[in-house]
Amino acid sequence: MIQSRAEITVRYAETDMMGVVYHGSYLPWFEVGRTTLMKDLGLPYRDLEAQGFLLPVLEVNVKYRRPAKYDDVITIVTTMREKPMLRIRLEYEVKRGDELLATGHTVHTFIDREGKVVRPPPQVIAVFDAGFAAADRSATT
């Protein structure tokens, strides 16, 4: 299991007139979590695109538990439980301190510039393998 954390402060533009975060604002936060996880692995999304690969969203799910509000400092915890092959599934937790505000997941697939579904190249697989190996070592120490 690979996990990363990203912290953001809720902006006014992400809320409604009551200062409560609009439900659609969570999806860009998931993107922040996803790109942070990739960068933490040593594979910034920009580099993946430069190699000719994209990761479009195939599926998204969000379960709202508690409202986030204007100026809250929230943490997006992103988890990859399985090594990706053709698809990547990422799970998200949005928290304010220890309080769980929302959970969700996204599923992505690797495509080339022509939009054809492809397997990730060996160098990308190696990055994921190294990330899982490091996570396994941390879990046992």
C-alpha atoms as a PDB file:
ATOM      1  CA  MET A   1       0.000   0.000   0.000  1.00  0.00           C
ATOM      2  CA  ILE A   2       1.291   3.427  -0.973  1.00  0.00           C
ATOM      3  CA  GLN A   3      -0.060   6.531   0.727  1.00  0.00           C
ATOM      4  CA  SER A   4       0.472  10.281   0.493  1.00  0.00           C
ATOM      5  CA  ARG A   5      -0.912  13.365   2.182  1.00  0.00           C
ATOM      6  CA  ALA A   6      -1.649  16.806   0.823  1.00  0.00           C
ATOM      7  CA  GLU A   7      -2.860  19.768   2.849  1.00  0.00           C
ATOM      8  CA  ILE A   8      -4.962  22.623   1.545  1.00  0.00           C
ATOM      9  CA  THR A   9      -6.937  25.501   3.008  1.00  0.00           C
ATOM     10  CA  VAL A  10     -10.531  25.768   1.812  1.00  0.00           C
ATOM     11  CA  ARG A  11     -10.925  28.824  -0.406  1.00  0.00           C
ATOM     12  CA  TYR A  12     -14.019  31.007  -0.431  1.00  0.00           C
ATOM     13  CA  ALA A  13     -14.641  30.123  -4.104  1.00  0.00           C
ATOM     14  CA  GLU A  14     -15.056  26.454  -3.095  1.00  0.00           C
ATOM     15  CA  THR A  15     -18.012  27.216  -0.806  1.00  0.00           C
ATOM     16  CA  ASP A  16     -21.643  28.196  -1.061  1.00  0.00           C
ATOM     17  CA  MET A  17     -23.217  31.241   0.610  1.00  0.00           C
ATOM     18  CA  MET A  18     -23.292  29.411   3.942  1.00  0.00           C
ATOM     19  CA  GLY A  19     -19.518  28.889   3.824  1.00  0.00           C
ATOM     20  CA  VAL A  20     -19.972  25.127   3.277  1.00  0.00           C
ATOM     21  CA  VAL A  21     -17.841  23.463   0.616  1.00  0.00           C
ATOM     22  CA  TYR A  22     -19.736  22.796  -2.597  1.00  0.00           C
ATOM     23  CA  HIS A  23     -19.868  19.049  -3.348  1.00  0.00           C
ATOM     24  CA  GLY A  24     -18.078  19.426  -6.707  1.00  0.00           C
ATOM     25  CA  SER A  25     -15.031  20.949  -4.997  1.00  0.00           C
ATOM     26  CA  TYR A  26     -13.994  17.538  -3.713  1.00  0.00           C
ATOM     27  CA  LEU A  27     -13.048  16.260  -7.170  1.00  0.00           C
ATOM     28  CA  PRO A  28     -10.254  18.808  -7.682  1.00  0.00           C
ATOM     29  CA  TRP A  29      -9.049  17.908  -4.165  1.00  0.00           C
ATOM     30  CA  PHE A  30      -8.872  14.266  -5.277  1.00  0.00           C
ATOM     31  CA  GLU A  31      -6.735  15.460  -8.192  1.00  0.00           C
ATOM     32  CA  VAL A  32      -4.433  17.247  -5.743  1.00  0.00           C
ATOM     33  CA  GLY A  33      -4.140  13.985  -3.814  1.00  0.00           C
ATOM     34  CA  ARG A  34      -3.493  11.956  -6.966  1.00  0.00           C
ATOM     35  CA  THR A  35      -0.815  14.251  -8.361  1.00  0.00           C
ATOM     36  CA  THR A  36       0.846  14.516  -4.940  1.00  0.00           C
ATOM     37  CA  LEU A  37       1.009  10.727  -4.664  1.00  0.00           C
ATOM     38  CA  MET A  38       2.550  10.447  -8.138  1.00  0.00           C
ATOM     39  CA  LYS A  39       5.082  13.179  -7.349  1.00  0.00           C
ATOM     40  CA  ASP A  40       5.949  11.541  -4.009  1.00  0.00           C
ATOM     41  CA  LEU A  41       6.647   8.315  -5.907  1.00  0.00           C
ATOM     42  CA  GLY A  42       9.110  10.179  -8.131  1.00  0.00           C
ATOM     43  CA  LEU A  43       6.823  10.208 -11.149  1.00  0.00           C
ATOM     44  CA  PRO A  44       5.323  13.673 -11.551  1.00  0.00           C
ATOM     45  CA  TYR A  45       2.264  13.629 -13.763  1.00  0.00           C
ATOM     46  CA  ARG A  46       3.996  16.060 -16.123  1.00  0.00           C
ATOM     47  CA  ASP A  47       6.753  13.481 -16.725  1.00  0.00           C
ATOM     48  CA  LEU A  48       4.198  10.768 -17.410  1.00  0.00           C
ATOM     49  CA  GLU A  49       2.549  12.987 -20.016  1.00  0.00           C
ATOM     50  CA  ALA A  50       5.947  13.822 -21.529  1.00  0.00           C
ATOM     51  CA  GLN A  51       6.469  10.082 -22.018  1.00  0.00           C
ATOM     52  CA  GLY A  52       3.213   9.989 -23.994  1.00  0.00           C
ATOM     53  CA  PHE A  53       0.869   8.580 -21.341  1.00  0.00           C
ATOM     54  CA  LEU A  54      -2.337   9.946 -19.867  1.00  0.00           C
ATOM     55  CA  LEU A  55      -4.536   8.696 -17.009  1.00  0.00           C
ATOM     56  CA  PRO A  56      -8.159   9.645 -17.739  1.00  0.00           C
ATOM     57  CA  VAL A  57     -10.772   9.077 -15.053  1.00  0.00           C
ATOM     58  CA  LEU A  58     -13.034   6.098 -15.735  1.00  0.00           C
ATOM     59  CA  GLU A  59     -14.933   6.144 -12.464  1.00  0.00           C
ATOM     60  CA  VAL A  60     -15.365   8.460  -9.504  1.00  0.00           C
ATOM     61  CA  ASN A  61     -17.206   8.052  -6.230  1.00  0.00           C
ATOM     62  CA  VAL A  62     -17.578  10.373  -3.248  1.00  0.00           C
ATOM     63  CA  LYS A  63     -19.316   9.804   0.069  1.00  0.00           C
ATOM     64  CA  TYR A  64     -19.882  12.973   2.066  1.00  0.00           C
ATOM     65  CA  ARG A  65     -19.872  12.549   5.839  1.00  0.00           C
ATOM     66  CA  ARG A  66     -19.366  16.007   7.403  1.00  0.00           C
ATOM     67  CA  PRO A  67     -19.190  19.448   5.792  1.00  0.00           C
ATOM     68  CA  ALA A  68     -15.912  21.202   5.173  1.00  0.00           C
ATOM     69  CA  LYS A  69     -16.132  24.954   5.603  1.00  0.00           C
ATOM     70  CA  TYR A  70     -14.428  28.090   4.428  1.00  0.00           C
ATOM     71  CA  ASP A  71     -10.866  28.493   5.750  1.00  0.00           C
ATOM     72  CA  ASP A  72     -10.683  24.926   7.129  1.00  0.00           C
ATOM     73  CA  VAL A  73      -7.277  23.327   6.767  1.00  0.00           C
ATOM     74  CA  ILE A  74      -7.949  19.909   5.305  1.00  0.00           C
ATOM     75  CA  THR A  75      -5.768  16.928   4.525  1.00  0.00           C
ATOM     76  CA  ILE A  76      -6.313  14.683   1.532  1.00  0.00           C
ATOM     77  CA  VAL A  77      -5.004  11.185   2.240  1.00  0.00           C
ATOM     78  CA  THR A  78      -4.555   9.249  -1.000  1.00  0.00           C
ATOM     79  CA  THR A  79      -4.020   5.491  -0.971  1.00  0.00           C
ATOM     80  CA  MET A  80      -3.020   3.064  -3.720  1.00  0.00           C
ATOM     81  CA  ARG A  81      -3.643  -0.445  -2.378  1.00  0.00           C
ATOM     82  CA  GLU A  82      -2.680  -2.473  -5.455  1.00  0.00           C
ATOM     83  CA  LYS A  83       0.018  -2.166  -8.097  1.00  0.00           C
ATOM     84  CA  PRO A  84      -1.557  -0.808 -11.267  1.00  0.00           C
ATOM     85  CA  MET A  85      -1.513  -2.680 -14.542  1.00  0.00           C
ATOM     86  CA  LEU A  86      -3.977  -1.249 -17.066  1.00  0.00           C
ATOM     87  CA  ARG A  87      -5.969   0.548 -14.396  1.00  0.00           C
ATOM     88  CA  ILE A  88      -5.150   2.474 -11.261  1.00  0.00           C
ATOM     89  CA  ARG A  89      -7.593   2.676  -8.372  1.00  0.00           C
ATOM     90  CA  LEU A  90      -6.965   5.364  -5.782  1.00  0.00           C
ATOM     91  CA  GLU A  91      -8.834   5.864  -2.537  1.00  0.00           C
ATOM     92  CA  TYR A  92      -9.219   9.206  -0.793  1.00  0.00           C
ATOM     93  CA  GLU A  93     -10.007  10.445   2.678  1.00  0.00           C
ATOM     94  CA  VAL A  94     -10.629  14.139   3.245  1.00  0.00           C
ATOM     95  CA  LYS A  95     -10.014  15.096   6.860  1.00  0.00           C
ATOM     96  CA  ARG A  96     -10.104  18.152   9.081  1.00  0.00           C
ATOM     97  CA  GLY A  97      -7.666  17.152  11.795  1.00  0.00           C
ATOM     98  CA  ASP A  98      -8.813  13.695  12.894  1.00  0.00           C
ATOM     99  CA  GLU A  99     -12.379  14.252  11.663  1.00  0.00           C
ATOM    100  CA  LEU A 100     -13.284  12.350   8.484  1.00  0.00           C
ATOM    101  CA  LEU A 101     -15.233  14.622   6.136  1.00  0.00           C
ATOM    102  CA  ALA A 102     -15.452  12.549   2.954  1.00  0.00           C
ATOM    103  CA  THR A 103     -14.220   9.356   1.359  1.00  0.00           C
ATOM    104  CA  GLY A 104     -14.038   8.352  -2.258  1.00  0.00           C
ATOM    105  CA  HIS A 105     -12.174   6.669  -5.021  1.00  0.00           C
ATOM    106  CA  THR A 106     -11.198   7.132  -8.639  1.00  0.00           C
ATOM    107  CA  VAL A 107     -10.294   4.593 -11.295  1.00  0.00           C
ATOM    108  CA  HIS A 108      -7.987   5.559 -14.160  1.00  0.00           C
ATOM    109  CA  THR A 109      -6.521   3.775 -17.150  1.00  0.00           C
ATOM    110  CA  PHE A 110      -3.307   4.327 -19.058  1.00  0.00           C
ATOM    111  CA  ILE A 111      -3.785   5.588 -22.611  1.00  0.00           C
ATOM    112  CA  ASP A 112      -1.364   6.798 -25.251  1.00  0.00           C
ATOM    113  CA  ARG A 113      -1.650  10.088 -27.124  1.00  0.00           C
ATOM    114  CA  GLU A 114      -4.010   8.491 -29.655  1.00  0.00           C
ATOM    115  CA  GLY A 115      -6.369   7.433 -26.847  1.00  0.00           C
ATOM    116  CA  LYS A 116      -5.537   3.715 -27.051  1.00  0.00           C
ATOM    117  CA  VAL A 117      -5.513   1.792 -23.754  1.00  0.00           C
ATOM    118  CA  VAL A 118      -1.949   0.643 -23.074  1.00  0.00           C
ATOM    119  CA  ARG A 119       0.103  -0.960 -20.348  1.00  0.00           C
ATOM    120  CA  PRO A 120       2.407   1.418 -18.491  1.00  0.00           C
ATOM    121  CA  PRO A 121       6.003   1.286 -19.723  1.00  0.00           C
ATOM    122  CA  PRO A 122       8.616  -0.693 -17.748  1.00  0.00           C
ATOM    123  CA  GLN A 123      10.101   2.449 -16.173  1.00  0.00           C
ATOM    124  CA  VAL A 124       6.674   3.406 -14.777  1.00  0.00           C
ATOM    125  CA  ILE A 125       6.081  -0.116 -13.471  1.00  0.00           C
ATOM    126  CA  ALA A 126       9.514   0.057 -11.821  1.00  0.00           C
ATOM    127  CA  VAL A 127       8.498   3.271 -10.012  1.00  0.00           C
ATOM    128  CA  PHE A 128       5.325   1.628  -8.682  1.00  0.00           C
ATOM    129  CA  ASP A 129       7.261  -1.525  -7.694  1.00  0.00           C
ATOM    130  CA  ALA A 130       9.816   0.582  -5.798  1.00  0.00           C
ATOM    131  CA  GLY A 131       7.040   2.538  -4.072  1.00  0.00           C
ATOM    132  CA  PHE A 132       5.305  -0.632  -2.898  1.00  0.00           C
ATOM    133  CA  ALA A 133       8.606  -2.176  -1.799  1.00  0.00           C
ATOM    134  CA  ALA A 134       9.468   0.942   0.260  1.00  0.00           C
ATOM    135  CA  ALA A 135       5.977   0.956   1.785  1.00  0.00           C
ATOM    136  CA  ASP A 136       6.328  -2.728   2.686  1.00  0.00           C
ATOM    137  CA  ARG A 137       9.704  -2.061   4.348  1.00  0.00           C
ATOM    138  CA  SER A 138       8.227   0.837   6.359  1.00  0.00           C
ATOM    139  CA  ALA A 139       5.311  -1.297   7.499  1.00  0.00           C
ATOM    140  CA  THR A 140       7.608  -3.998   8.884  1.00  0.00           C
ATOM    141  CA  THR A 141       9.899  -1.645  10.807  1.00  0.00           C
END
